[in-house]
Amino acid sequence: MALISVSNNALQNITAVPASVPTGALVLLSTQTASSSASISFTSGIDSTYDSYVFKFINVHPSIDTVRFEFNGSTDGGSNYNVIKTTTYFSAYHAEADDTAVLNYQTSRDLAQSTSFQNLGYSDSNNDDASLSGTLQLFNPSSTTYVKHFISENNVMHAYPMPLSSYVAGYFNTTSAINAIQFRYDAGNIDDGIIKMYGVK
């Protein structure tokens, strides 16, 4: 194995990072703004260009009260959102009245080899000042060798009211490429909010 020596090894002498070197930088690929939308779908741009993709939810607001924000994946460009997945879900919350504070595993919100949509938040309030914000990261969706892991963290103004933080992780149990993602509420519409999709360099 040949050794590579670097003569200009001071950081100030580096003028460019080779394209093949991961930097962790986010590259904005798409922005969608909801307006009484039944769902928000990303059906292009999820391919082998990046090893992982990050979705950011910014002030997502439901049209009706006490609903659950959720997502699913597709292997056919968005014709169907029904990929088998297994997941975990836990949450933490603290009431505005300071009378309730809980950290617990939510067995009713995880999935085991299910094609159902996965909850990312629940009992979202539709108060005028309420919304959900957070992230979902999807890893190596174009792999045809491995399952597709994902991790999500978000915070919502719960209908109680209280801040409720949800932590979801799991995998799409398929070796087919995931090439589309859809977000929605389990009832009603996404009244307002922004969802951005980034590729991770």
N, C-alpha and C. Protein backbone atom coordinates (compact mmCIF):
# COMPACT_ATOMS: atom_id res chain seq x y z
N MET A 1 0.85 -1.18 0.00
CA MET A 1 0.00 0.00 0.00
C MET A 1 0.88 1.23 0.00
N ALA A 2 0.64 2.14 -0.92
CA ALA A 2 1.46 3.35 -1.04
C ALA A 2 1.06 4.37 0.01
N LEU A 3 2.05 5.05 0.56
CA LEU A 3 1.80 6.12 1.52
C LEU A 3 1.73 7.45 0.78
N ILE A 4 0.77 8.26 1.18
CA ILE A 4 0.61 9.57 0.54
C ILE A 4 1.08 10.63 1.52
N SER A 5 2.02 11.43 1.10
CA SER A 5 2.51 12.50 1.96
C SER A 5 1.92 13.83 1.50
N VAL A 6 1.71 14.70 2.47
CA VAL A 6 1.16 16.03 2.19
C VAL A 6 2.17 17.06 2.62
N SER A 7 2.61 17.90 1.68
CA SER A 7 3.62 18.90 2.01
C SER A 7 3.01 20.19 2.54
N ASN A 8 1.83 20.57 2.02
CA ASN A 8 1.19 21.80 2.50
C ASN A 8 0.15 21.44 3.56
N ASN A 9 0.66 20.94 4.70
CA ASN A 9 -0.22 20.37 5.70
C ASN A 9 -0.79 21.38 6.69
N ALA A 10 -0.62 22.64 6.48
CA ALA A 10 -1.25 23.64 7.32
C ALA A 10 -2.67 23.90 6.80
N LEU A 11 -3.63 24.06 7.71
CA LEU A 11 -5.02 24.23 7.30
C LEU A 11 -5.21 25.42 6.37
N GLN A 12 -4.45 26.49 6.60
CA GLN A 12 -4.63 27.68 5.77
C GLN A 12 -4.21 27.45 4.32
N ASN A 13 -3.47 26.36 4.06
CA ASN A 13 -3.03 26.07 2.70
C ASN A 13 -4.02 25.22 1.91
N ILE A 14 -5.03 24.71 2.59
CA ILE A 14 -6.02 23.89 1.90
C ILE A 14 -7.00 24.80 1.17
N THR A 15 -7.11 24.65 -0.12
CA THR A 15 -7.97 25.52 -0.93
C THR A 15 -9.31 24.90 -1.29
N ALA A 16 -9.41 23.58 -1.25
CA ALA A 16 -10.67 22.93 -1.60
C ALA A 16 -10.69 21.53 -1.02
N VAL A 17 -11.87 21.07 -0.64
CA VAL A 17 -12.05 19.71 -0.16
C VAL A 17 -12.48 18.85 -1.34
N PRO A 18 -11.83 17.72 -1.59
CA PRO A 18 -12.23 16.86 -2.71
C PRO A 18 -13.69 16.47 -2.60
N ALA A 19 -14.36 16.37 -3.73
CA ALA A 19 -15.80 16.08 -3.76
C ALA A 19 -16.14 14.76 -3.08
N SER A 20 -15.21 13.82 -3.06
CA SER A 20 -15.47 12.51 -2.47
C SER A 20 -15.39 12.49 -0.95
N VAL A 21 -14.95 13.59 -0.34
CA VAL A 21 -14.80 13.64 1.12
C VAL A 21 -16.10 14.14 1.75
N PRO A 22 -16.75 13.35 2.62
CA PRO A 22 -17.97 13.80 3.27
C PRO A 22 -17.70 15.01 4.18
N THR A 23 -18.57 15.99 4.12
CA THR A 23 -18.40 17.19 4.95
C THR A 23 -19.52 17.37 5.98
N GLY A 24 -20.64 16.66 5.78
CA GLY A 24 -21.78 16.82 6.68
C GLY A 24 -22.62 18.05 6.37
N ALA A 25 -22.26 18.78 5.32
CA ALA A 25 -23.01 19.98 4.97
C ALA A 25 -24.38 19.60 4.40
N LEU A 26 -25.38 20.43 4.72
CA LEU A 26 -26.72 20.22 4.20
C LEU A 26 -26.90 21.00 2.91
N VAL A 27 -27.44 20.33 1.90
CA VAL A 27 -27.72 20.96 0.61
C VAL A 27 -29.24 20.98 0.43
N LEU A 28 -29.83 22.17 0.41
CA LEU A 28 -31.28 22.28 0.26
C LEU A 28 -31.69 21.81 -1.13
N LEU A 29 -32.59 20.82 -1.17
CA LEU A 29 -33.04 20.25 -2.43
C LEU A 29 -34.46 20.65 -2.79
N SER A 30 -35.31 20.82 -1.78
CA SER A 30 -36.71 21.11 -2.06
C SER A 30 -37.37 21.73 -0.84
N THR A 31 -38.30 22.66 -1.08
CA THR A 31 -39.10 23.27 -0.03
C THR A 31 -40.56 23.22 -0.43
N GLN A 32 -41.40 22.73 0.46
CA GLN A 32 -42.84 22.70 0.20
C GLN A 32 -43.57 23.40 1.34
N THR A 33 -44.53 24.23 0.97
CA THR A 33 -45.34 24.97 1.94
C THR A 33 -46.77 24.47 1.88
N ALA A 34 -47.29 24.04 3.02
CA ALA A 34 -48.65 23.53 3.08
C ALA A 34 -49.66 24.67 3.12
N SER A 35 -50.79 24.44 2.51
CA SER A 35 -51.92 25.37 2.58
C SER A 35 -53.19 24.53 2.44
N SER A 36 -53.74 24.13 3.60
CA SER A 36 -54.89 23.22 3.63
C SER A 36 -54.60 21.98 2.76
N SER A 37 -53.42 21.41 2.95
CA SER A 37 -52.96 20.29 2.12
C SER A 37 -53.28 18.96 2.79
N ALA A 38 -53.81 18.02 2.03
CA ALA A 38 -54.09 16.69 2.58
C ALA A 38 -52.80 15.98 2.95
N SER A 39 -51.73 16.24 2.20
CA SER A 39 -50.43 15.64 2.47
C SER A 39 -49.35 16.45 1.76
N ILE A 40 -48.11 16.21 2.15
CA ILE A 40 -46.94 16.78 1.46
C ILE A 40 -46.07 15.60 1.05
N SER A 41 -45.79 15.51 -0.26
CA SER A 41 -45.01 14.38 -0.77
C SER A 41 -43.76 14.88 -1.47
N PHE A 42 -42.66 14.17 -1.26
CA PHE A 42 -41.40 14.42 -1.96
C PHE A 42 -41.18 13.23 -2.89
N THR A 43 -41.40 13.42 -4.18
CA THR A 43 -41.37 12.33 -5.14
C THR A 43 -40.19 12.41 -6.11
N SER A 44 -39.33 13.39 -5.92
CA SER A 44 -38.13 13.48 -6.75
C SER A 44 -36.97 13.95 -5.89
N GLY A 45 -35.76 13.65 -6.33
CA GLY A 45 -34.57 14.09 -5.61
C GLY A 45 -34.06 13.13 -4.57
N ILE A 46 -34.80 12.07 -4.27
CA ILE A 46 -34.33 11.06 -3.31
C ILE A 46 -33.71 9.94 -4.13
N ASP A 47 -32.40 9.94 -4.23
CA ASP A 47 -31.69 8.99 -5.08
C ASP A 47 -30.31 8.72 -4.51
N SER A 48 -29.40 8.22 -5.32
CA SER A 48 -28.07 7.84 -4.83
C SER A 48 -27.10 9.01 -4.77
N THR A 49 -27.57 10.23 -5.04
CA THR A 49 -26.69 11.39 -4.99
C THR A 49 -26.12 11.61 -3.60
N TYR A 50 -26.94 11.38 -2.58
CA TYR A 50 -26.52 11.59 -1.19
C TYR A 50 -26.72 10.31 -0.39
N ASP A 51 -25.87 10.12 0.63
CA ASP A 51 -25.99 8.94 1.49
C ASP A 51 -27.10 9.06 2.51
N SER A 52 -27.49 10.30 2.83
CA SER A 52 -28.63 10.49 3.73
C SER A 52 -29.35 11.78 3.39
N TYR A 53 -30.60 11.83 3.81
CA TYR A 53 -31.48 12.97 3.53
C TYR A 53 -32.12 13.42 4.84
N VAL A 54 -32.23 14.73 5.01
CA VAL A 54 -32.84 15.30 6.21
C VAL A 54 -34.06 16.11 5.80
N PHE A 55 -35.17 15.86 6.49
CA PHE A 55 -36.39 16.64 6.31
C PHE A 55 -36.59 17.49 7.57
N LYS A 56 -36.84 18.76 7.38
CA LYS A 56 -37.09 19.67 8.50
C LYS A 56 -38.52 20.16 8.44
N PHE A 57 -39.24 20.00 9.57
CA PHE A 57 -40.63 20.46 9.69
C PHE A 57 -40.60 21.78 10.44
N ILE A 58 -41.20 22.81 9.86
CA ILE A 58 -41.17 24.14 10.47
C ILE A 58 -42.59 24.64 10.66
N ASN A 59 -43.02 24.72 11.92
CA ASN A 59 -44.35 25.24 12.28
C ASN A 59 -45.47 24.57 11.47
N VAL A 60 -45.49 23.24 11.50
CA VAL A 60 -46.55 22.49 10.83
C VAL A 60 -47.80 22.54 11.72
N HIS A 61 -48.90 23.01 11.14
CA HIS A 61 -50.12 23.30 11.91
C HIS A 61 -51.29 22.49 11.34
N PRO A 62 -51.98 21.71 12.20
CA PRO A 62 -53.11 20.90 11.71
C PRO A 62 -54.40 21.71 11.60
N SER A 63 -55.30 21.22 10.76
CA SER A 63 -56.59 21.91 10.59
C SER A 63 -57.57 21.56 11.70
N ILE A 64 -57.37 20.39 12.34
CA ILE A 64 -58.25 20.00 13.43
C ILE A 64 -57.42 19.62 14.65
N ASP A 65 -58.07 19.51 15.79
CA ASP A 65 -57.37 19.30 17.06
C ASP A 65 -57.08 17.82 17.32
N THR A 66 -56.07 17.58 18.16
CA THR A 66 -55.68 16.27 18.66
C THR A 66 -55.49 15.24 17.53
N VAL A 67 -54.63 15.60 16.58
CA VAL A 67 -54.31 14.69 15.47
C VAL A 67 -52.83 14.33 15.51
N ARG A 68 -52.45 13.34 14.72
CA ARG A 68 -51.09 12.81 14.74
C ARG A 68 -50.39 13.08 13.40
N PHE A 69 -49.22 13.70 13.48
CA PHE A 69 -48.39 13.91 12.30
C PHE A 69 -47.66 12.60 12.01
N GLU A 70 -47.62 12.18 10.74
CA GLU A 70 -47.10 10.86 10.43
C GLU A 70 -46.46 10.84 9.03
N PHE A 71 -45.72 9.76 8.75
CA PHE A 71 -45.06 9.65 7.45
C PHE A 71 -44.98 8.20 7.00
N ASN A 72 -44.70 8.05 5.69
CA ASN A 72 -44.47 6.73 5.12
C ASN A 72 -43.55 6.88 3.91
N GLY A 73 -43.03 5.76 3.44
CA GLY A 73 -42.14 5.77 2.30
C GLY A 73 -42.73 5.01 1.13
N SER A 74 -42.09 5.19 -0.02
CA SER A 74 -42.53 4.55 -1.25
C SER A 74 -41.33 4.00 -2.01
N THR A 75 -41.53 2.87 -2.68
CA THR A 75 -40.50 2.29 -3.54
C THR A 75 -40.86 2.43 -5.01
N ASP A 76 -42.00 3.08 -5.30
CA ASP A 76 -42.46 3.20 -6.69
C ASP A 76 -42.74 4.65 -7.08
N GLY A 77 -41.92 5.56 -6.53
CA GLY A 77 -42.02 6.96 -6.91
C GLY A 77 -43.23 7.69 -6.39
N GLY A 78 -43.91 7.11 -5.40
CA GLY A 78 -45.05 7.78 -4.79
C GLY A 78 -46.40 7.27 -5.24
N SER A 79 -46.44 6.21 -6.04
CA SER A 79 -47.72 5.61 -6.41
C SER A 79 -48.39 4.96 -5.19
N ASN A 80 -47.57 4.39 -4.32
CA ASN A 80 -48.05 3.77 -3.08
C ASN A 80 -47.11 4.11 -1.94
N TYR A 81 -47.69 4.42 -0.78
CA TYR A 81 -46.91 4.65 0.44
C TYR A 81 -47.27 3.55 1.43
N ASN A 82 -46.56 2.44 1.32
CA ASN A 82 -46.94 1.25 2.10
C ASN A 82 -45.75 0.33 2.36
N VAL A 83 -44.59 0.91 2.64
CA VAL A 83 -43.39 0.10 2.85
C VAL A 83 -43.42 -0.50 4.26
N ILE A 84 -43.06 -1.76 4.37
CA ILE A 84 -43.01 -2.44 5.67
C ILE A 84 -41.93 -1.80 6.54
N LYS A 85 -42.27 -1.56 7.81
CA LYS A 85 -41.30 -0.94 8.72
C LYS A 85 -41.48 -1.47 10.14
N THR A 86 -40.39 -1.42 10.90
CA THR A 86 -40.41 -1.71 12.33
C THR A 86 -39.77 -0.54 13.05
N THR A 87 -40.40 -0.07 14.14
CA THR A 87 -40.00 1.20 14.75
C THR A 87 -40.05 1.16 16.27
N THR A 88 -39.44 2.18 16.87
CA THR A 88 -39.57 2.45 18.30
C THR A 88 -40.04 3.88 18.48
N TYR A 89 -40.67 4.15 19.63
CA TYR A 89 -41.25 5.48 19.86
C TYR A 89 -41.26 5.76 21.37
N PHE A 90 -40.60 6.86 21.76
CA PHE A 90 -40.77 7.31 23.14
C PHE A 90 -40.94 8.82 23.16
N SER A 91 -41.48 9.32 24.26
CA SER A 91 -41.81 10.74 24.32
C SER A 91 -41.56 11.29 25.72
N ALA A 92 -41.42 12.59 25.76
CA ALA A 92 -41.29 13.33 27.03
C ALA A 92 -42.20 14.54 26.95
N TYR A 93 -42.88 14.85 28.06
CA TYR A 93 -43.73 16.05 28.06
C TYR A 93 -43.82 16.66 29.45
N HIS A 94 -44.18 17.96 29.45
CA HIS A 94 -44.27 18.73 30.68
C HIS A 94 -45.38 19.76 30.52
N ALA A 95 -46.41 19.67 31.32
CA ALA A 95 -47.59 20.51 31.17
C ALA A 95 -47.30 21.95 31.55
N GLU A 96 -47.97 22.87 30.86
CA GLU A 96 -47.85 24.29 31.20
C GLU A 96 -48.26 24.54 32.65
N ALA A 97 -49.23 23.77 33.13
CA ALA A 97 -49.70 23.92 34.51
C ALA A 97 -48.73 23.35 35.53
N ASP A 98 -47.65 22.70 35.07
CA ASP A 98 -46.63 22.11 35.93
C ASP A 98 -47.18 20.99 36.81
N ASP A 99 -48.26 20.35 36.37
CA ASP A 99 -48.85 19.28 37.15
C ASP A 99 -48.59 17.89 36.57
N THR A 100 -47.95 17.84 35.39
CA THR A 100 -47.64 16.57 34.75
C THR A 100 -46.31 16.67 34.04
N ALA A 101 -45.44 15.69 34.29
CA ALA A 101 -44.16 15.60 33.58
C ALA A 101 -43.81 14.12 33.45
N VAL A 102 -43.67 13.64 32.22
CA VAL A 102 -43.54 12.20 31.99
C VAL A 102 -42.51 11.93 30.89
N LEU A 103 -41.75 10.86 31.08
CA LEU A 103 -40.90 10.29 30.04
C LEU A 103 -41.31 8.83 29.91
N ASN A 104 -41.78 8.42 28.71
CA ASN A 104 -42.23 7.03 28.60
C ASN A 104 -42.11 6.49 27.18
N TYR A 105 -42.06 5.15 27.12
CA TYR A 105 -42.09 4.44 25.84
C TYR A 105 -43.54 4.30 25.42
N GLN A 106 -43.82 4.59 24.15
CA GLN A 106 -45.20 4.57 23.66
C GLN A 106 -45.42 3.30 22.82
N THR A 107 -45.82 2.23 23.48
CA THR A 107 -45.99 0.96 22.77
C THR A 107 -47.11 1.02 21.74
N SER A 108 -48.08 1.91 21.95
CA SER A 108 -49.21 2.00 21.01
C SER A 108 -48.83 2.76 19.74
N ARG A 109 -47.64 3.35 19.72
CA ARG A 109 -47.25 4.16 18.56
C ARG A 109 -46.06 3.59 17.80
N ASP A 110 -45.52 2.46 18.27
CA ASP A 110 -44.47 1.81 17.48
C ASP A 110 -45.12 0.84 16.49
N LEU A 111 -44.34 0.36 15.56
CA LEU A 111 -44.84 -0.56 14.53
C LEU A 111 -43.94 -1.79 14.48
N ALA A 112 -44.52 -2.93 14.14
CA ALA A 112 -43.77 -4.17 13.97
C ALA A 112 -44.16 -4.79 12.65
N GLN A 113 -43.29 -4.67 11.66
CA GLN A 113 -43.54 -5.23 10.33
C GLN A 113 -44.89 -4.76 9.79
N SER A 114 -45.08 -3.46 9.80
CA SER A 114 -46.34 -2.86 9.39
C SER A 114 -46.14 -1.95 8.20
N THR A 115 -47.15 -1.89 7.34
CA THR A 115 -47.14 -0.95 6.21
C THR A 115 -47.83 0.37 6.56
N SER A 116 -48.32 0.49 7.79
CA SER A 116 -49.03 1.70 8.21
C SER A 116 -48.11 2.91 8.23
N PHE A 117 -48.70 4.11 8.22
CA PHE A 117 -47.93 5.33 8.43
C PHE A 117 -47.41 5.35 9.86
N GLN A 118 -46.19 5.85 10.05
CA GLN A 118 -45.56 5.95 11.36
C GLN A 118 -45.84 7.31 11.98
N ASN A 119 -46.38 7.32 13.21
CA ASN A 119 -46.57 8.56 13.95
C ASN A 119 -45.23 9.22 14.23
N LEU A 120 -45.15 10.53 14.03
CA LEU A 120 -43.99 11.32 14.43
C LEU A 120 -44.34 12.25 15.58
N GLY A 121 -45.60 12.59 15.71
CA GLY A 121 -46.10 13.41 16.81
C GLY A 121 -47.54 13.01 17.06
N TYR A 122 -48.08 13.38 18.23
CA TYR A 122 -49.48 13.01 18.46
C TYR A 122 -50.17 14.02 19.35
N SER A 123 -51.51 14.03 19.20
CA SER A 123 -52.38 14.99 19.90
C SER A 123 -51.93 16.42 19.66
N ASP A 124 -51.58 16.71 18.40
CA ASP A 124 -51.18 18.06 18.05
C ASP A 124 -52.36 19.01 18.23
N SER A 125 -52.09 20.16 18.79
CA SER A 125 -53.13 21.17 18.99
C SER A 125 -53.30 22.00 17.73
N ASN A 126 -54.55 22.42 17.47
CA ASN A 126 -54.79 23.34 16.37
C ASN A 126 -55.09 24.75 16.88
N ASN A 127 -54.68 25.04 18.14
CA ASN A 127 -54.76 26.42 18.62
C ASN A 127 -54.02 27.33 17.66
N ASP A 128 -54.44 28.57 17.59
CA ASP A 128 -53.84 29.51 16.64
C ASP A 128 -52.33 29.62 16.78
N ASP A 129 -51.81 29.46 18.01
CA ASP A 129 -50.36 29.62 18.23
C ASP A 129 -49.62 28.29 18.28
N ALA A 130 -50.28 27.19 17.94
CA ALA A 130 -49.69 25.85 18.09
C ALA A 130 -49.13 25.35 16.76
N SER A 131 -48.06 24.54 16.86
CA SER A 131 -47.48 23.91 15.67
C SER A 131 -46.52 22.81 16.10
N LEU A 132 -46.04 22.07 15.11
CA LEU A 132 -45.02 21.04 15.30
C LEU A 132 -43.78 21.43 14.51
N SER A 133 -42.60 21.22 15.10
CA SER A 133 -41.34 21.44 14.40
C SER A 133 -40.38 20.30 14.75
N GLY A 134 -39.51 19.92 13.81
CA GLY A 134 -38.58 18.85 14.08
C GLY A 134 -37.87 18.38 12.83
N THR A 135 -37.31 17.17 12.91
CA THR A 135 -36.52 16.63 11.80
C THR A 135 -36.78 15.14 11.62
N LEU A 136 -36.53 14.67 10.41
CA LEU A 136 -36.47 13.24 10.10
C LEU A 136 -35.24 13.04 9.24
N GLN A 137 -34.38 12.08 9.60
CA GLN A 137 -33.23 11.76 8.77
C GLN A 137 -33.37 10.34 8.25
N LEU A 138 -33.20 10.20 6.93
CA LEU A 138 -33.30 8.91 6.25
C LEU A 138 -31.92 8.55 5.71
N PHE A 139 -31.45 7.34 6.02
CA PHE A 139 -30.09 6.95 5.69
C PHE A 139 -30.05 6.00 4.49
N ASN A 140 -29.19 6.33 3.52
CA ASN A 140 -28.89 5.49 2.36
C ASN A 140 -30.14 4.90 1.71
N PRO A 141 -31.10 5.75 1.33
CA PRO A 141 -32.37 5.24 0.81
C PRO A 141 -32.25 4.49 -0.51
N SER A 142 -31.16 4.69 -1.25
CA SER A 142 -31.02 4.03 -2.55
C SER A 142 -30.33 2.67 -2.48
N SER A 143 -29.94 2.25 -1.29
CA SER A 143 -29.27 0.96 -1.15
C SER A 143 -30.19 -0.18 -1.60
N THR A 144 -29.63 -1.11 -2.34
CA THR A 144 -30.37 -2.32 -2.69
C THR A 144 -29.81 -3.53 -1.96
N THR A 145 -29.01 -3.24 -0.91
CA THR A 145 -28.41 -4.29 -0.08
C THR A 145 -28.99 -4.29 1.33
N TYR A 146 -29.17 -3.08 1.91
CA TYR A 146 -29.53 -2.96 3.32
C TYR A 146 -30.93 -2.40 3.50
N VAL A 147 -31.49 -2.63 4.72
CA VAL A 147 -32.71 -1.94 5.11
C VAL A 147 -32.42 -0.44 5.23
N LYS A 148 -33.45 0.40 5.29
CA LYS A 148 -33.28 1.86 5.28
C LYS A 148 -33.63 2.43 6.66
N HIS A 149 -32.61 2.82 7.41
CA HIS A 149 -32.82 3.35 8.75
C HIS A 149 -33.30 4.80 8.71
N PHE A 150 -34.05 5.19 9.74
CA PHE A 150 -34.46 6.58 9.89
C PHE A 150 -34.56 6.93 11.37
N ILE A 151 -34.37 8.20 11.67
CA ILE A 151 -34.46 8.74 13.03
C ILE A 151 -35.21 10.06 12.96
N SER A 152 -36.13 10.27 13.88
CA SER A 152 -36.89 11.53 13.91
C SER A 152 -36.96 12.07 15.33
N GLU A 153 -36.87 13.38 15.43
CA GLU A 153 -37.06 14.07 16.71
C GLU A 153 -37.89 15.32 16.43
N ASN A 154 -38.95 15.50 17.19
CA ASN A 154 -39.77 16.70 16.98
C ASN A 154 -40.42 17.13 18.28
N ASN A 155 -40.91 18.35 18.27
CA ASN A 155 -41.61 18.89 19.42
C ASN A 155 -42.92 19.52 18.95
N VAL A 156 -43.98 19.31 19.71
CA VAL A 156 -45.29 19.82 19.32
C VAL A 156 -45.94 20.48 20.53
N MET A 157 -46.79 21.45 20.26
CA MET A 157 -47.66 21.97 21.32
C MET A 157 -48.85 21.03 21.40
N HIS A 158 -48.85 20.22 22.43
CA HIS A 158 -49.89 19.22 22.67
C HIS A 158 -51.20 19.92 22.99
N ALA A 159 -52.31 19.23 22.72
CA ALA A 159 -53.63 19.82 22.94
C ALA A 159 -53.94 20.07 24.42
N TYR A 160 -53.09 19.56 25.34
CA TYR A 160 -53.41 19.67 26.78
C TYR A 160 -53.53 21.09 27.34
N PRO A 161 -52.65 22.08 27.28
CA PRO A 161 -51.46 22.19 26.44
C PRO A 161 -50.16 21.87 27.19
N MET A 162 -49.17 21.43 26.42
CA MET A 162 -47.85 21.13 26.95
C MET A 162 -46.89 20.95 25.77
N PRO A 163 -45.58 21.14 25.99
CA PRO A 163 -44.62 20.74 24.97
C PRO A 163 -44.43 19.22 25.07
N LEU A 164 -44.55 18.55 23.93
CA LEU A 164 -44.39 17.11 23.89
C LEU A 164 -43.34 16.77 22.84
N SER A 165 -42.23 16.21 23.29
CA SER A 165 -41.14 15.84 22.39
C SER A 165 -41.22 14.35 22.10
N SER A 166 -41.19 14.01 20.81
CA SER A 166 -41.27 12.61 20.39
C SER A 166 -39.97 12.20 19.71
N TYR A 167 -39.54 10.97 19.99
CA TYR A 167 -38.31 10.41 19.44
C TYR A 167 -38.65 9.07 18.79
N VAL A 168 -38.46 9.01 17.49
CA VAL A 168 -38.85 7.84 16.71
C VAL A 168 -37.64 7.34 15.93
N ALA A 169 -37.47 6.03 15.89
CA ALA A 169 -36.41 5.44 15.07
C ALA A 169 -36.89 4.10 14.56
N GLY A 170 -36.30 3.67 13.46
CA GLY A 170 -36.69 2.37 12.91
C GLY A 170 -36.06 2.17 11.56
N TYR A 171 -36.62 1.23 10.81
CA TYR A 171 -36.12 0.99 9.47
C TYR A 171 -37.25 0.52 8.57
N PHE A 172 -37.15 0.92 7.30
CA PHE A 172 -37.97 0.32 6.26
C PHE A 172 -37.35 -1.03 5.95
N ASN A 173 -38.11 -2.09 6.15
CA ASN A 173 -37.57 -3.45 6.00
C ASN A 173 -37.67 -3.90 4.55
N THR A 174 -36.88 -3.26 3.71
CA THR A 174 -36.84 -3.59 2.30
C THR A 174 -35.45 -3.34 1.75
N THR A 175 -35.06 -4.13 0.77
CA THR A 175 -33.81 -3.86 0.06
C THR A 175 -34.07 -3.13 -1.26
N SER A 176 -35.32 -2.76 -1.50
CA SER A 176 -35.64 -1.90 -2.63
C SER A 176 -35.34 -0.45 -2.25
N ALA A 177 -35.00 0.36 -3.23
CA ALA A 177 -34.71 1.77 -2.96
C ALA A 177 -35.97 2.52 -2.54
N ILE A 178 -35.84 3.34 -1.50
CA ILE A 178 -36.90 4.27 -1.12
C ILE A 178 -36.71 5.53 -1.95
N ASN A 179 -37.71 5.91 -2.74
CA ASN A 179 -37.53 7.06 -3.64
C ASN A 179 -38.61 8.13 -3.50
N ALA A 180 -39.46 8.00 -2.49
CA ALA A 180 -40.46 9.04 -2.22
C ALA A 180 -40.88 8.95 -0.76
N ILE A 181 -41.21 10.10 -0.16
CA ILE A 181 -41.64 10.18 1.24
C ILE A 181 -42.88 11.07 1.30
N GLN A 182 -43.85 10.67 2.11
CA GLN A 182 -45.06 11.47 2.28
C GLN A 182 -45.31 11.76 3.76
N PHE A 183 -45.73 13.01 4.04
CA PHE A 183 -46.11 13.45 5.38
C PHE A 183 -47.58 13.86 5.36
N ARG A 184 -48.27 13.60 6.46
CA ARG A 184 -49.68 13.97 6.55
C ARG A 184 -50.10 13.92 8.03
N TYR A 185 -51.32 14.36 8.31
CA TYR A 185 -51.96 14.09 9.59
C TYR A 185 -52.90 12.91 9.43
N ASP A 186 -53.16 12.21 10.52
CA ASP A 186 -54.03 11.03 10.42
C ASP A 186 -55.49 11.40 10.24
N ALA A 187 -55.80 12.70 10.36
CA ALA A 187 -57.15 13.20 10.07
C ALA A 187 -57.02 14.69 9.74
N GLY A 188 -57.92 15.18 8.91
CA GLY A 188 -57.86 16.58 8.53
C GLY A 188 -56.68 16.88 7.61
N ASN A 189 -56.38 18.17 7.47
CA ASN A 189 -55.32 18.62 6.57
C ASN A 189 -54.15 19.22 7.32
N ILE A 190 -53.05 19.40 6.59
CA ILE A 190 -51.96 20.25 7.08
C ILE A 190 -52.36 21.67 6.71
N ASP A 191 -52.82 22.41 7.70
CA ASP A 191 -53.36 23.74 7.45
C ASP A 191 -52.28 24.72 7.01
N ASP A 192 -51.09 24.60 7.59
CA ASP A 192 -49.99 25.53 7.31
C ASP A 192 -48.69 24.84 7.70
N GLY A 193 -47.56 25.38 7.25
CA GLY A 193 -46.26 24.85 7.64
C GLY A 193 -45.35 24.64 6.45
N ILE A 194 -44.08 24.49 6.76
CA ILE A 194 -43.04 24.32 5.75
C ILE A 194 -42.29 23.02 6.02
N ILE A 195 -42.04 22.25 4.97
CA ILE A 195 -41.18 21.07 5.08
C ILE A 195 -40.07 21.22 4.04
N LYS A 196 -38.82 21.12 4.50
CA LYS A 196 -37.66 21.22 3.62
C LYS A 196 -36.94 19.89 3.56
N MET A 197 -36.42 19.57 2.39
CA MET A 197 -35.62 18.36 2.20
C MET A 197 -34.19 18.74 1.83
N TYR A 198 -33.22 18.16 2.56
CA TYR A 198 -31.81 18.43 2.34
C TYR A 198 -31.09 17.12 2.02
N GLY A 199 -30.08 17.19 1.19
CA GLY A 199 -29.13 16.11 1.05
C GLY A 199 -27.93 16.39 1.93
N VAL A 200 -27.34 15.36 2.51
CA VAL A 200 -26.19 15.52 3.40
C VAL A 200 -24.93 15.14 2.63
N LYS A 201 -24.02 16.10 2.43
CA LYS A 201 -22.79 15.85 1.67
C LYS A 201 -21.82 14.97 2.46
